[in-house]
Protein backbone atom coordinates (compact mmCIF):
# COMPACT_ATOMS: atom_id res chain seq x y z
CA MET A 1 -21.63 114.94 -121.93
CA ILE A 2 -19.84 113.99 -125.12
CA LYS A 3 -18.00 116.74 -126.98
CA GLU A 4 -19.00 116.71 -130.62
CA ILE A 5 -17.65 118.43 -133.69
CA SER A 6 -19.23 118.57 -137.10
CA THR A 7 -17.18 120.85 -139.35
CA VAL A 8 -13.88 120.50 -141.16
CA GLU A 9 -12.68 123.64 -139.38
CA GLU A 10 -13.40 122.18 -135.93
CA TYR A 11 -11.71 118.94 -136.91
CA ASN A 12 -8.61 120.74 -138.24
CA GLN A 13 -8.35 122.83 -135.06
CA LEU A 14 -8.43 119.68 -132.93
CA ILE A 15 -5.79 117.95 -135.06
CA ALA A 16 -3.58 121.06 -135.00
CA SER A 17 -3.80 121.06 -131.19
CA GLY A 18 -2.58 117.46 -131.00
CA VAL A 19 -5.84 115.52 -130.81
CA ILE A 20 -5.38 112.01 -132.23
CA PRO A 21 -7.92 110.80 -134.83
CA ILE A 22 -9.11 107.20 -134.67
CA ASP A 23 -11.48 105.61 -137.17
CA VAL A 24 -13.79 102.96 -135.67
CA ARG A 25 -15.28 101.63 -138.91
CA THR A 26 -14.54 98.26 -140.47
CA ALA A 27 -11.27 97.84 -142.37
CA GLY A 28 -13.29 97.72 -145.61
CA GLU A 29 -14.99 101.04 -144.90
CA TYR A 30 -11.69 102.59 -143.84
CA ASN A 31 -9.85 101.39 -146.96
CA GLU A 32 -12.65 102.62 -149.22
CA SER A 33 -12.45 106.24 -148.05
CA LYS A 34 -10.79 107.93 -145.11
CA ILE A 35 -9.84 111.37 -143.88
CA PRO A 36 -6.21 112.11 -144.80
CA GLY A 37 -3.90 111.68 -141.82
CA VAL A 38 -6.12 109.17 -140.02
CA ASP A 39 -3.68 106.29 -139.64
CA THR A 40 -5.42 104.29 -136.91
CA CYS A 41 -8.50 102.15 -137.49
CA TYR A 42 -9.95 100.00 -134.70
CA ASP A 43 -13.11 98.23 -135.84
CA TRP A 44 -15.74 98.89 -133.16
CA ASN A 45 -18.18 96.20 -134.34
CA GLY A 46 -15.50 93.55 -134.77
CA GLY A 47 -14.08 94.00 -131.27
CA GLU A 48 -10.75 95.38 -132.44
CA PHE A 49 -11.39 98.62 -130.53
CA HIS A 50 -11.74 96.79 -127.22
CA ASP A 51 -8.75 94.57 -128.02
CA ASN A 52 -6.55 97.66 -128.47
CA ILE A 53 -7.82 99.87 -125.65
CA GLU A 54 -4.58 99.42 -123.70
CA GLU A 55 -2.79 101.31 -126.50
CA LEU A 56 -4.79 104.45 -125.72
CA ASP A 57 -3.51 106.91 -123.13
CA ALA A 58 -6.20 108.51 -120.92
CA GLU A 59 -4.01 111.63 -120.69
CA LYS A 60 -4.25 112.23 -124.45
CA SER A 61 -7.13 113.56 -126.53
CA TYR A 62 -8.89 111.62 -129.29
CA VAL A 63 -11.48 112.29 -131.98
CA PHE A 64 -13.43 109.26 -133.19
CA ILE A 65 -14.78 108.80 -136.71
CA CYS A 66 -17.24 106.29 -138.18
CA ARG A 67 -19.76 106.16 -141.03
CA SER A 68 -22.69 107.97 -139.40
CA GLY A 69 -21.48 109.04 -135.95
CA ASN A 70 -23.05 106.17 -133.99
CA ARG A 71 -20.08 103.85 -133.48
CA SER A 72 -17.79 106.81 -132.77
CA LEU A 73 -20.28 108.05 -130.17
CA GLN A 74 -20.31 104.59 -128.57
CA ALA A 75 -16.49 104.64 -128.49
CA CYS A 76 -16.56 108.05 -126.77
CA LEU A 77 -19.10 106.91 -124.20
CA PHE A 78 -17.12 103.75 -123.47
CA LEU A 79 -13.85 105.64 -123.03
CA GLN A 80 -15.52 108.19 -120.77
CA SER A 81 -16.69 105.29 -118.60
CA GLN A 82 -13.04 104.21 -118.42
CA GLY A 83 -11.84 107.62 -117.20
CA PHE A 84 -10.95 109.29 -120.50
CA GLU A 85 -11.92 112.96 -120.37
CA ASN A 86 -10.79 114.32 -123.73
CA VAL A 87 -12.75 112.44 -126.36
CA TYR A 88 -14.61 113.95 -129.30
CA ASN A 89 -17.18 112.51 -131.67
CA LEU A 90 -17.30 113.51 -135.33
CA ARG A 91 -21.07 114.05 -135.50
CA GLY A 92 -22.58 112.57 -138.66
CA GLY A 93 -19.38 110.66 -139.40
CA MET A 94 -18.11 110.21 -142.93
CA MET A 95 -21.66 110.65 -144.26
CA ASN A 96 -21.52 114.28 -143.05
CA TRP A 97 -17.81 114.93 -143.71
CA GLN A 98 -17.29 117.83 -146.14
CA GLY A 99 -13.48 117.70 -146.20
CA ALA A 100 -10.93 115.84 -148.26
CA THR A 101 -10.84 112.05 -148.38
CA GLU A 102 -8.40 109.55 -149.77
């Protein structure tokens, strides 16, 4: 089962505990508007995510962000299939995000 969060408070708690945020939207979407502090963007649809999977550490925790929550959910499911246990999906993605953006 995928762990999902949907509020700014849940997101901030994860980040404060050391969870690493990764945006899986296109570079254009990411550059248009992103959550402050999200410095990593691996385009799921363009294959960049899969090209960079070796950079991710299965011992660490990650929260994935996309436009609507679909690509980030796919990223979570894929990583779980690769042995990652601590992955979180931002349910509703940026369309549902109520926090600050830059």
